[in-house]
Amino acid sequence: TSEYSSSGHLYLTWLQGADQAKRNETILQLAEAGISANVHYKPLPLL
């Protein structure tokens, strides 16, 4: 942006209209297609 330039470490996205179950299902589908995906992060109060 005009304020900052990232190091581009992680490509975070949000899946509009999806809930946690749909997100997890999508990660599994990606894995079956040979694509490793992840989640950043599980908030500390959930741990």
ModelCIF file with pLDDT and N, C-alpha, C, O atoms, coordinates in Angstrom:
data_MODEL
#
_entry.id   MODEL 
#
_entity.id                         1 
_entity.type                       polymer 
_entity.pdbx_number_of_molecules   1 
#
_entity_poly.entity_id                      1 
_entity_poly.type                           'polypeptide(L)' 
_entity_poly.nstd_linkage                   no 
_entity_poly.nstd_monomer                   no 
_entity_poly.pdbx_seq_one_letter_code       TSEYSSSGHLYLTWLQGADQAKRNETILQLAEAGISANVHYKPLPLL 
_entity_poly.pdbx_seq_one_letter_code_can   TSEYSSSGHLYLTWLQGADQAKRNETILQLAEAGISANVHYKPLPLL 
_entity_poly.pdbx_strand_id                 A 
#
loop_
_entity_poly_seq.entity_id 
_entity_poly_seq.num 
_entity_poly_seq.mon_id 
_entity_poly_seq.hetero 
1 1  THR n 
1 2  SER n 
1 3  GLU n 
1 4  TYR n 
1 5  SER n 
1 6  SER n 
1 7  SER n 
1 8  GLY n 
1 9  HIS n 
1 10 LEU n 
1 11 TYR n 
1 12 LEU n 
1 13 THR n 
1 14 TRP n 
1 15 LEU n 
1 16 GLN n 
1 17 GLY n 
1 18 ALA n 
1 19 ASP n 
1 20 GLN n 
1 21 ALA n 
1 22 LYS n 
1 23 ARG n 
1 24 ASN n 
1 25 GLU n 
1 26 THR n 
1 27 ILE n 
1 28 LEU n 
1 29 GLN n 
1 30 LEU n 
1 31 ALA n 
1 32 GLU n 
1 33 ALA n 
1 34 GLY n 
1 35 ILE n 
1 36 SER n 
1 37 ALA n 
1 38 ASN n 
1 39 VAL n 
1 40 HIS n 
1 41 TYR n 
1 42 LYS n 
1 43 PRO n 
1 44 LEU n 
1 45 PRO n 
1 46 LEU n 
1 47 LEU n 
#
_struct_asym.id          A 
_struct_asym.entity_id   1 
#
loop_
_ma_qa_metric.id 
_ma_qa_metric.mode 
_ma_qa_metric.name 
_ma_qa_metric.software_group_id 
_ma_qa_metric.type 
1 global pLDDT . pLDDT 
2 local  pLDDT . pLDDT 
#
_ma_qa_metric_global.metric_id      1 
_ma_qa_metric_global.metric_value   97.60 
_ma_qa_metric_global.model_id       1 
_ma_qa_metric_global.ordinal_id     1 
#
loop_
_ma_qa_metric_local.label_asym_id 
_ma_qa_metric_local.label_comp_id 
_ma_qa_metric_local.label_seq_id 
_ma_qa_metric_local.metric_id 
_ma_qa_metric_local.metric_value 
_ma_qa_metric_local.model_id 
_ma_qa_metric_local.ordinal_id 
A THR 1  2 97.00 1 1  
A SER 2  2 97.00 1 2  
A GLU 3  2 97.00 1 3  
A TYR 4  2 98.00 1 4  
A SER 5  2 98.00 1 5  
A SER 6  2 98.00 1 6  
A SER 7  2 98.00 1 7  
A GLY 8  2 98.00 1 8  
A HIS 9  2 98.00 1 9  
A LEU 10 2 98.00 1 10 
A TYR 11 2 99.00 1 11 
A LEU 12 2 98.00 1 12 
A THR 13 2 98.00 1 13 
A TRP 14 2 98.00 1 14 
A LEU 15 2 98.00 1 15 
A GLN 16 2 97.00 1 16 
A GLY 17 2 95.00 1 17 
A ALA 18 2 97.00 1 18 
A ASP 19 2 97.00 1 19 
A GLN 20 2 97.00 1 20 
A ALA 21 2 97.00 1 21 
A LYS 22 2 97.00 1 22 
A ARG 23 2 98.00 1 23 
A ASN 24 2 98.00 1 24 
A GLU 25 2 97.00 1 25 
A THR 26 2 98.00 1 26 
A ILE 27 2 98.00 1 27 
A LEU 28 2 98.00 1 28 
A GLN 29 2 97.00 1 29 
A LEU 30 2 98.00 1 30 
A ALA 31 2 97.00 1 31 
A GLU 32 2 97.00 1 32 
A ALA 33 2 97.00 1 33 
A GLY 34 2 97.00 1 34 
A ILE 35 2 98.00 1 35 
A SER 36 2 98.00 1 36 
A ALA 37 2 98.00 1 37 
A ASN 38 2 98.00 1 38 
A VAL 39 2 98.00 1 39 
A HIS 40 2 98.00 1 40 
A TYR 41 2 96.00 1 41 
A LYS 42 2 98.00 1 42 
A PRO 43 2 98.00 1 43 
A LEU 44 2 98.00 1 44 
A PRO 45 2 98.00 1 45 
A LEU 46 2 98.00 1 46 
A LEU 47 2 98.00 1 47 
#
loop_
_atom_site.group_PDB 
_atom_site.id 
_atom_site.type_symbol 
_atom_site.label_atom_id 
_atom_site.label_alt_id 
_atom_site.label_comp_id 
_atom_site.label_asym_id 
_atom_site.label_entity_id 
_atom_site.label_seq_id 
_atom_site.pdbx_PDB_ins_code 
_atom_site.Cartn_x 
_atom_site.Cartn_y 
_atom_site.Cartn_z 
_atom_site.occupancy 
_atom_site.B_iso_or_equiv 
_atom_site.pdbx_formal_charge 
_atom_site.auth_seq_id 
_atom_site.auth_comp_id 
_atom_site.auth_asym_id 
_atom_site.auth_atom_id 
_atom_site.pdbx_PDB_model_num 
ATOM 1   N N  . THR A 1 1  ? 0.849   -1.181  0.000  1.00 97.00 ? 1  THR A N  1 
ATOM 2   C CA . THR A 1 1  ? 0.000   0.000   0.000  1.00 97.00 ? 1  THR A CA 1 
ATOM 3   C C  . THR A 1 1  ? 0.892   1.242   0.000  1.00 97.00 ? 1  THR A C  1 
ATOM 4   O O  . THR A 1 1  ? 2.118   1.131   -0.016 1.00 97.00 ? 1  THR A O  1 
ATOM 5   N N  . SER A 1 2  ? 0.280   2.405   0.017  1.00 97.00 ? 2  SER A N  1 
ATOM 6   C CA . SER A 1 2  ? 1.061   3.648   0.083  1.00 97.00 ? 2  SER A CA 1 
ATOM 7   C C  . SER A 1 2  ? 1.755   3.799   1.436  1.00 97.00 ? 2  SER A C  1 
ATOM 8   O O  . SER A 1 2  ? 2.694   4.584   1.568  1.00 97.00 ? 2  SER A O  1 
ATOM 9   N N  . GLU A 1 3  ? 1.292   3.043   2.451  1.00 97.00 ? 3  GLU A N  1 
ATOM 10  C CA . GLU A 1 3  ? 1.864   3.159   3.791  1.00 97.00 ? 3  GLU A CA 1 
ATOM 11  C C  . GLU A 1 3  ? 2.995   2.169   4.038  1.00 97.00 ? 3  GLU A C  1 
ATOM 12  O O  . GLU A 1 3  ? 3.940   2.478   4.765  1.00 97.00 ? 3  GLU A O  1 
ATOM 13  N N  . TYR A 1 4  ? 2.910   0.984   3.444  1.00 98.00 ? 4  TYR A N  1 
ATOM 14  C CA . TYR A 1 4  ? 3.902   -0.051  3.750  1.00 98.00 ? 4  TYR A CA 1 
ATOM 15  C C  . TYR A 1 4  ? 4.181   -0.941  2.541  1.00 98.00 ? 4  TYR A C  1 
ATOM 16  O O  . TYR A 1 4  ? 3.393   -1.015  1.597  1.00 98.00 ? 4  TYR A O  1 
ATOM 17  N N  . SER A 1 5  ? 5.318   -1.604  2.604  1.00 98.00 ? 5  SER A N  1 
ATOM 18  C CA . SER A 1 5  ? 5.692   -2.623  1.629  1.00 98.00 ? 5  SER A CA 1 
ATOM 19  C C  . SER A 1 5  ? 6.079   -3.871  2.404  1.00 98.00 ? 5  SER A C  1 
ATOM 20  O O  . SER A 1 5  ? 7.041   -3.857  3.172  1.00 98.00 ? 5  SER A O  1 
ATOM 21  N N  . SER A 1 6  ? 5.337   -4.939  2.207  1.00 98.00 ? 6  SER A N  1 
ATOM 22  C CA . SER A 1 6  ? 5.512   -6.180  2.957  1.00 98.00 ? 6  SER A CA 1 
ATOM 23  C C  . SER A 1 6  ? 6.741   -6.953  2.477  1.00 98.00 ? 6  SER A C  1 
ATOM 24  O O  . SER A 1 6  ? 7.243   -6.728  1.376  1.00 98.00 ? 6  SER A O  1 
ATOM 25  N N  . SER A 1 7  ? 7.208   -7.858  3.316  1.00 98.00 ? 7  SER A N  1 
ATOM 26  C CA . SER A 1 7  ? 8.235   -8.814  2.895  1.00 98.00 ? 7  SER A CA 1 
ATOM 27  C C  . SER A 1 7  ? 7.615   -9.977  2.128  1.00 98.00 ? 7  SER A C  1 
ATOM 28  O O  . SER A 1 7  ? 8.331   -10.810 1.572  1.00 98.00 ? 7  SER A O  1 
ATOM 29  N N  . GLY A 1 8  ? 6.286   -10.032 2.099  1.00 98.00 ? 8  GLY A N  1 
ATOM 30  C CA . GLY A 1 8  ? 5.593   -11.078 1.352  1.00 98.00 ? 8  GLY A CA 1 
ATOM 31  C C  . GLY A 1 8  ? 5.832   -12.467 1.909  1.00 98.00 ? 8  GLY A C  1 
ATOM 32  O O  . GLY A 1 8  ? 6.057   -13.413 1.154  1.00 98.00 ? 8  GLY A O  1 
ATOM 33  N N  . HIS A 1 9  ? 5.785   -12.595 3.230  1.00 98.00 ? 9  HIS A N  1 
ATOM 34  C CA . HIS A 1 9  ? 6.104   -13.894 3.818  1.00 98.00 ? 9  HIS A CA 1 
ATOM 35  C C  . HIS A 1 9  ? 4.976   -14.913 3.669  1.00 98.00 ? 9  HIS A C  1 
ATOM 36  O O  . HIS A 1 9  ? 5.228   -16.064 3.314  1.00 98.00 ? 9  HIS A O  1 
ATOM 37  N N  . LEU A 1 10 ? 3.738   -14.502 3.934  1.00 98.00 ? 10 LEU A N  1 
ATOM 38  C CA . LEU A 1 10 ? 2.604   -15.423 3.877  1.00 98.00 ? 10 LEU A CA 1 
ATOM 39  C C  . LEU A 1 10 ? 1.484   -14.823 3.038  1.00 98.00 ? 10 LEU A C  1 
ATOM 40  O O  . LEU A 1 10 ? 1.244   -13.616 3.076  1.00 98.00 ? 10 LEU A O  1 
ATOM 41  N N  . TYR A 1 11 ? 0.800   -15.679 2.277  1.00 99.00 ? 11 TYR A N  1 
ATOM 42  C CA . TYR A 1 11 ? -0.335  -15.208 1.479  1.00 99.00 ? 11 TYR A CA 1 
ATOM 43  C C  . TYR A 1 11 ? -1.629  -15.632 2.180  1.00 99.00 ? 11 TYR A C  1 
ATOM 44  O O  . TYR A 1 11 ? -2.172  -16.708 1.933  1.00 99.00 ? 11 TYR A O  1 
ATOM 45  N N  . LEU A 1 12 ? -2.103  -14.744 3.065  1.00 98.00 ? 12 LEU A N  1 
ATOM 46  C CA . LEU A 1 12 ? -3.336  -14.984 3.805  1.00 98.00 ? 12 LEU A CA 1 
ATOM 47  C C  . LEU A 1 12 ? -4.533  -14.574 2.966  1.00 98.00 ? 12 LEU A C  1 
ATOM 48  O O  . LEU A 1 12 ? -4.513  -13.538 2.301  1.00 98.00 ? 12 LEU A O  1 
ATOM 49  N N  . THR A 1 13 ? -5.583  -15.401 3.001  1.00 98.00 ? 13 THR A N  1 
ATOM 50  C CA . THR A 1 13 ? -6.839  -15.062 2.356  1.00 98.00 ? 13 THR A CA 1 
ATOM 51  C C  . THR A 1 13 ? -7.988  -15.347 3.310  1.00 98.00 ? 13 THR A C  1 
ATOM 52  O O  . THR A 1 13 ? -7.847  -16.096 4.277  1.00 98.00 ? 13 THR A O  1 
ATOM 53  N N  . TRP A 1 14 ? -9.137  -14.728 3.014  1.00 98.00 ? 14 TRP A N  1 
ATOM 54  C CA . TRP A 1 14 ? -10.370 -15.031 3.739  1.00 98.00 ? 14 TRP A CA 1 
ATOM 55  C C  . TRP A 1 14 ? -11.423 -15.436 2.722  1.00 98.00 ? 14 TRP A C  1 
ATOM 56  O O  . TRP A 1 14 ? -11.610 -14.769 1.704  1.00 98.00 ? 14 TRP A O  1 
ATOM 57  N N  . LEU A 1 15 ? -12.102 -16.527 3.004  1.00 98.00 ? 15 LEU A N  1 
ATOM 58  C CA . LEU A 1 15 ? -13.081 -17.102 2.085  1.00 98.00 ? 15 LEU A CA 1 
ATOM 59  C C  . LEU A 1 15 ? -14.460 -16.550 2.433  1.00 98.00 ? 15 LEU A C  1 
ATOM 60  O O  . LEU A 1 15 ? -15.126 -17.044 3.342  1.00 98.00 ? 15 LEU A O  1 
ATOM 61  N N  . GLN A 1 16 ? -14.872 -15.538 1.711  1.00 97.00 ? 16 GLN A N  1 
ATOM 62  C CA . GLN A 1 16 ? -16.150 -14.867 2.019  1.00 97.00 ? 16 GLN A CA 1 
ATOM 63  C C  . GLN A 1 16 ? -17.310 -15.843 1.955  1.00 97.00 ? 16 GLN A C  1 
ATOM 64  O O  . GLN A 1 16 ? -17.435 -16.621 1.010  1.00 97.00 ? 16 GLN A O  1 
ATOM 65  N N  . GLY A 1 17 ? -18.161 -15.790 2.979  1.00 95.00 ? 17 GLY A N  1 
ATOM 66  C CA . GLY A 1 17 ? -19.337 -16.649 3.026  1.00 95.00 ? 17 GLY A CA 1 
ATOM 67  C C  . GLY A 1 17 ? -19.062 -18.047 3.548  1.00 95.00 ? 17 GLY A C  1 
ATOM 68  O O  . GLY A 1 17 ? -19.990 -18.840 3.705  1.00 95.00 ? 17 GLY A O  1 
ATOM 69  N N  . ALA A 1 18 ? -17.786 -18.367 3.824  1.00 97.00 ? 18 ALA A N  1 
ATOM 70  C CA . ALA A 1 18 ? -17.430 -19.701 4.323  1.00 97.00 ? 18 ALA A CA 1 
ATOM 71  C C  . ALA A 1 18 ? -17.327 -19.669 5.840  1.00 97.00 ? 18 ALA A C  1 
ATOM 72  O O  . ALA A 1 18 ? -16.954 -18.652 6.426  1.00 97.00 ? 18 ALA A O  1 
ATOM 73  N N  . ASP A 1 19 ? -17.659 -20.783 6.469  1.00 97.00 ? 19 ASP A N  1 
ATOM 74  C CA . ASP A 1 19 ? -17.433 -20.924 7.899  1.00 97.00 ? 19 ASP A CA 1 
ATOM 75  C C  . ASP A 1 19 ? -16.210 -21.804 8.121  1.00 97.00 ? 19 ASP A C  1 
ATOM 76  O O  . ASP A 1 19 ? -15.537 -22.190 7.165  1.00 97.00 ? 19 ASP A O  1 
ATOM 77  N N  . GLN A 1 20 ? -15.924 -22.121 9.377  1.00 97.00 ? 20 GLN A N  1 
ATOM 78  C CA . GLN A 1 20 ? -14.733 -22.907 9.689  1.00 97.00 ? 20 GLN A CA 1 
ATOM 79  C C  . GLN A 1 20 ? -14.786 -24.294 9.049  1.00 97.00 ? 20 GLN A C  1 
ATOM 80  O O  . GLN A 1 20 ? -13.766 -24.800 8.581  1.00 97.00 ? 20 GLN A O  1 
ATOM 81  N N  . ALA A 1 21 ? -15.956 -24.903 9.027  1.00 97.00 ? 21 ALA A N  1 
ATOM 82  C CA . ALA A 1 21 ? -16.085 -26.238 8.434  1.00 97.00 ? 21 ALA A CA 1 
ATOM 83  C C  . ALA A 1 21 ? -15.782 -26.203 6.941  1.00 97.00 ? 21 ALA A C  1 
ATOM 84  O O  . ALA A 1 21 ? -15.097 -27.083 6.419  1.00 97.00 ? 21 ALA A O  1 
ATOM 85  N N  . LYS A 1 22 ? -16.293 -25.183 6.256  1.00 97.00 ? 22 LYS A N  1 
ATOM 86  C CA . LYS A 1 22 ? -16.032 -25.054 4.814  1.00 97.00 ? 22 LYS A CA 1 
ATOM 87  C C  . LYS A 1 22 ? -14.553 -24.776 4.562  1.00 97.00 ? 22 LYS A C  1 
ATOM 88  O O  . LYS A 1 22 ? -13.964 -25.324 3.631  1.00 97.00 ? 22 LYS A O  1 
ATOM 89  N N  . ARG A 1 23 ? -13.958 -23.928 5.389  1.00 98.00 ? 23 ARG A N  1 
ATOM 90  C CA . ARG A 1 23 ? -12.521 -23.648 5.252  1.00 98.00 ? 23 ARG A CA 1 
ATOM 91  C C  . ARG A 1 23 ? -11.714 -24.939 5.394  1.00 98.00 ? 23 ARG A C  1 
ATOM 92  O O  . ARG A 1 23 ? -10.821 -25.208 4.590  1.00 98.00 ? 23 ARG A O  1 
ATOM 93  N N  . ASN A 1 24 ? -12.028 -25.731 6.411  1.00 98.00 ? 24 ASN A N  1 
ATOM 94  C CA . ASN A 1 24 ? -11.294 -26.975 6.644  1.00 98.00 ? 24 ASN A CA 1 
ATOM 95  C C  . ASN A 1 24 ? -11.510 -27.976 5.508  1.00 98.00 ? 24 ASN A C  1 
ATOM 96  O O  . ASN A 1 24 ? -10.587 -28.687 5.110  1.00 98.00 ? 24 ASN A O  1 
ATOM 97  N N  . GLU A 1 25 ? -12.733 -28.021 4.996  1.00 97.00 ? 25 GLU A N  1 
ATOM 98  C CA . GLU A 1 25 ? -13.029 -28.893 3.853  1.00 97.00 ? 25 GLU A CA 1 
ATOM 99  C C  . GLU A 1 25 ? -12.212 -28.467 2.633  1.00 97.00 ? 25 GLU A C  1 
ATOM 100 O O  . GLU A 1 25 ? -11.716 -29.309 1.884  1.00 97.00 ? 25 GLU A O  1 
ATOM 101 N N  . THR A 1 26 ? -12.079 -27.155 2.440  1.00 98.00 ? 26 THR A N  1 
ATOM 102 C CA . THR A 1 26 ? -11.314 -26.637 1.298  1.00 98.00 ? 26 THR A CA 1 
ATOM 103 C C  . THR A 1 26 ? -9.832  -26.992 1.421  1.00 98.00 ? 26 THR A C  1 
ATOM 104 O O  . THR A 1 26 ? -9.192  -27.335 0.428  1.00 98.00 ? 26 THR A O  1 
ATOM 105 N N  . ILE A 1 27 ? -9.291  -26.912 2.627  1.00 98.00 ? 27 ILE A N  1 
ATOM 106 C CA . ILE A 1 27 ? -7.893  -27.297 2.841  1.00 98.00 ? 27 ILE A CA 1 
ATOM 107 C C  . ILE A 1 27 ? -7.691  -28.773 2.488  1.00 98.00 ? 27 ILE A C  1 
ATOM 108 O O  . ILE A 1 27 ? -6.680  -29.135 1.887  1.00 98.00 ? 27 ILE A O  1 
ATOM 109 N N  . LEU A 1 28 ? -8.649  -29.619 2.861  1.00 98.00 ? 28 LEU A N  1 
ATOM 110 C CA . LEU A 1 28 ? -8.563  -31.045 2.528  1.00 98.00 ? 28 LEU A CA 1 
ATOM 111 C C  . LEU A 1 28 ? -8.650  -31.257 1.017  1.00 98.00 ? 28 LEU A C  1 
ATOM 112 O O  . LEU A 1 28 ? -7.907  -32.067 0.463  1.00 98.00 ? 28 LEU A O  1 
ATOM 113 N N  . GLN A 1 29 ? -9.547  -30.538 0.351  1.00 97.00 ? 29 GLN A N  1 
ATOM 114 C CA . GLN A 1 29 ? -9.666  -30.652 -1.106 1.00 97.00 ? 29 GLN A CA 1 
ATOM 115 C C  . GLN A 1 29 ? -8.378  -30.211 -1.798 1.00 97.00 ? 29 GLN A C  1 
ATOM 116 O O  . GLN A 1 29 ? -7.936  -30.842 -2.758 1.00 97.00 ? 29 GLN A O  1 
ATOM 117 N N  . LEU A 1 30 ? -7.781  -29.133 -1.311 1.00 98.00 ? 30 LEU A N  1 
ATOM 118 C CA . LEU A 1 30 ? -6.511  -28.671 -1.870 1.00 98.00 ? 30 LEU A CA 1 
ATOM 119 C C  . LEU A 1 30 ? -5.429  -29.739 -1.685 1.00 98.00 ? 30 LEU A C  1 
ATOM 120 O O  . LEU A 1 30 ? -4.636  -29.994 -2.591 1.00 98.00 ? 30 LEU A O  1 
ATOM 121 N N  . ALA A 1 31 ? -5.406  -30.356 -0.507 1.00 97.00 ? 31 ALA A N  1 
ATOM 122 C CA . ALA A 1 31 ? -4.418  -31.402 -0.234 1.00 97.00 ? 31 ALA A CA 1 
ATOM 123 C C  . ALA A 1 31 ? -4.586  -32.578 -1.202 1.00 97.00 ? 31 ALA A C  1 
ATOM 124 O O  . ALA A 1 31 ? -3.604  -33.138 -1.689 1.00 97.00 ? 31 ALA A O  1 
ATOM 125 N N  . GLU A 1 32 ? -5.826  -32.939 -1.468 1.00 97.00 ? 32 GLU A N  1 
ATOM 126 C CA . GLU A 1 32 ? -6.081  -34.036 -2.400 1.00 97.00 ? 32 GLU A CA 1 
ATOM 127 C C  . GLU A 1 32 ? -5.657  -33.676 -3.819 1.00 97.00 ? 32 GLU A C  1 
ATOM 128 O O  . GLU A 1 32 ? -5.376  -34.555 -4.634 1.00 97.00 ? 32 GLU A O  1 
ATOM 129 N N  . ALA A 1 33 ? -5.613  -32.378 -4.107 1.00 97.00 ? 33 ALA A N  1 
ATOM 130 C CA . ALA A 1 33 ? -5.145  -31.906 -5.415 1.00 97.00 ? 33 ALA A CA 1 
ATOM 131 C C  . ALA A 1 33 ? -3.633  -31.665 -5.423 1.00 97.00 ? 33 ALA A C  1 
ATOM 132 O O  . ALA A 1 33 ? -3.088  -31.161 -6.405 1.00 97.00 ? 33 ALA A O  1 
ATOM 133 N N  . GLY A 1 34 ? -2.959  -32.024 -4.329 1.00 97.00 ? 34 GLY A N  1 
ATOM 134 C CA . GLY A 1 34 ? -1.510  -31.886 -4.255 1.00 97.00 ? 34 GLY A CA 1 
ATOM 135 C C  . GLY A 1 34 ? -1.028  -30.531 -3.798 1.00 97.00 ? 34 GLY A C  1 
ATOM 136 O O  . GLY A 1 34 ? 0.128   -30.177 -4.027 1.00 97.00 ? 34 GLY A O  1 
ATOM 137 N N  . ILE A 1 35 ? -1.899  -29.759 -3.152 1.00 98.00 ? 35 ILE A N  1 
ATOM 138 C CA . ILE A 1 35 ? -1.556  -28.395 -2.723 1.00 98.00 ? 35 ILE A CA 1 
ATOM 139 C C  . ILE A 1 35 ? -1.567  -28.320 -1.197 1.00 98.00 ? 35 ILE A C  1 
ATOM 140 O O  . ILE A 1 35 ? -2.576  -28.636 -0.567 1.00 98.00 ? 35 ILE A O  1 
ATOM 141 N N  . SER A 1 36 ? -0.460  -27.909 -0.611 1.00 98.00 ? 36 SER A N  1 
ATOM 142 C CA . SER A 1 36 ? -0.377  -27.743 0.843  1.00 98.00 ? 36 SER A CA 1 
ATOM 143 C C  . SER A 1 36 ? -0.849  -26.342 1.214  1.00 98.00 ? 36 SER A C  1 
ATOM 144 O O  . SER A 1 36 ? -0.296  -25.349 0.741  1.00 98.00 ? 36 SER A O  1 
ATOM 145 N N  . ALA A 1 37 ? -1.860  -26.267 2.054  1.00 98.00 ? 37 ALA A N  1 
ATOM 146 C CA . ALA A 1 37 ? -2.355  -24.983 2.557  1.00 98.00 ? 37 ALA A CA 1 
ATOM 147 C C  . ALA A 1 37 ? -2.290  -24.993 4.079  1.00 98.00 ? 37 ALA A C  1 
ATOM 148 O O  . ALA A 1 37 ? -2.019  -26.027 4.689  1.00 98.00 ? 37 ALA A O  1 
ATOM 149 N N  . ASN A 1 38 ? -2.538  -23.844 4.683  1.00 98.00 ? 38 ASN A N  1 
ATOM 150 C CA . ASN A 1 38 ? -2.367  -23.728 6.127  1.00 98.00 ? 38 ASN A CA 1 
ATOM 151 C C  . ASN A 1 38 ? -3.337  -22.688 6.666  1.00 98.00 ? 38 ASN A C  1 
ATOM 152 O O  . ASN A 1 38 ? -4.118  -22.107 5.913  1.00 98.00 ? 38 ASN A O  1 
ATOM 153 N N  . VAL A 1 39 ? -3.285  -22.455 7.979  1.00 98.00 ? 39 VAL A N  1 
ATOM 154 C CA . VAL A 1 39 ? -4.096  -21.434 8.639  1.00 98.00 ? 39 VAL A CA 1 
ATOM 155 C C  . VAL A 1 39 ? -3.183  -20.611 9.539  1.00 98.00 ? 39 VAL A C  1 
ATOM 156 O O  . VAL A 1 39 ? -2.390  -21.172 10.295 1.00 98.00 ? 39 VAL A O  1 
ATOM 157 N N  . HIS A 1 40 ? -3.286  -19.277 9.465  1.00 98.00 ? 40 HIS A N  1 
ATOM 158 C CA . HIS A 1 40 ? -2.487  -18.375 10.291 1.00 98.00 ? 40 HIS A CA 1 
ATOM 159 C C  . HIS A 1 40 ? -3.396  -17.282 10.858 1.00 98.00 ? 40 HIS A C  1 
ATOM 160 O O  . HIS A 1 40 ? -3.848  -16.407 10.119 1.00 98.00 ? 40 HIS A O  1 
ATOM 161 N N  . TYR A 1 41 ? -3.660  -17.327 12.140 1.00 96.00 ? 41 TYR A N  1 
ATOM 162 C CA . TYR A 1 41 ? -3.306  -18.305 13.150 1.00 96.00 ? 41 TYR A CA 1 
ATOM 163 C C  . TYR A 1 41 ? -4.535  -18.675 13.921 1.00 96.00 ? 41 TYR A C  1 
ATOM 164 O O  . TYR A 1 41 ? -5.565  -18.006 13.832 1.00 96.00 ? 41 TYR A O  1 
ATOM 165 N N  . LYS A 1 42 ? -4.431  -19.745 14.682 1.00 98.00 ? 42 LYS A N  1 
ATOM 166 C CA . LYS A 1 42 ? -5.457  -20.033 15.678 1.00 98.00 ? 42 LYS A CA 1 
ATOM 167 C C  . LYS A 1 42 ? -5.213  -19.066 16.836 1.00 98.00 ? 42 LYS A C  1 
ATOM 168 O O  . LYS A 1 42 ? -4.150  -19.122 17.454 1.00 98.00 ? 42 LYS A O  1 
ATOM 169 N N  . PRO A 1 43 ? -6.163  -18.180 17.149 1.00 98.00 ? 43 PRO A N  1 
ATOM 170 C CA . PRO A 1 43 ? -5.924  -17.186 18.205 1.00 98.00 ? 43 PRO A CA 1 
ATOM 171 C C  . PRO A 1 43 ? -5.524  -17.846 19.526 1.00 98.00 ? 43 PRO A C  1 
ATOM 172 O O  . PRO A 1 43 ? -5.989  -18.936 19.857 1.00 98.00 ? 43 PRO A O  1 
ATOM 173 N N  . LEU A 1 44 ? -4.668  -17.174 20.258 1.00 98.00 ? 44 LEU A N  1 
ATOM 174 C CA . LEU A 1 44 ? -4.146  -17.747 21.502 1.00 98.00 ? 44 LEU A CA 1 
ATOM 175 C C  . LEU A 1 44 ? -5.249  -18.157 22.478 1.00 98.00 ? 44 LEU A C  1 
ATOM 176 O O  . LEU A 1 44 ? -5.115  -19.201 23.115 1.00 98.00 ? 44 LEU A O  1 
ATOM 177 N N  . PRO A 1 45 ? -6.338  -17.387 22.630 1.00 98.00 ? 45 PRO A N  1 
ATOM 178 C CA . PRO A 1 45 ? -7.365  -17.801 23.601 1.00 98.00 ? 45 PRO A CA 1 
ATOM 179 C C  . PRO A 1 45 ? -8.081  -19.106 23.241 1.00 98.00 ? 45 PRO A C  1 
ATOM 180 O O  . PRO A 1 45 ? -8.805  -19.657 24.069 1.00 98.00 ? 45 PRO A O  1 
ATOM 181 N N  . LEU A 1 46 ? -7.887  -19.608 22.012 1.00 98.00 ? 46 LEU A N  1 
ATOM 182 C CA . LEU A 1 46 ? -8.470  -20.894 21.637 1.00 98.00 ? 46 LEU A CA 1 
ATOM 183 C C  . LEU A 1 46 ? -7.564  -22.069 22.009 1.00 98.00 ? 46 LEU A C  1 
ATOM 184 O O  . LEU A 1 46 ? -7.969  -23.226 21.900 1.00 98.00 ? 46 LEU A O  1 
ATOM 185 N N  . LEU A 1 47 ? -6.346  -21.775 22.444 1.00 98.00 ? 47 LEU A N  1 
ATOM 186 C CA . LEU A 1 47 ? -5.371  -22.813 22.757 1.00 98.00 ? 47 LEU A CA 1 
ATOM 187 C C  . LEU A 1 47 ? -5.415  -23.160 24.249 1.00 98.00 ? 47 LEU A C  1 
ATOM 188 O O  . LEU A 1 47 ? -4.660  -24.019 24.705 1.00 98.00 ? 47 LEU A O  1 
#
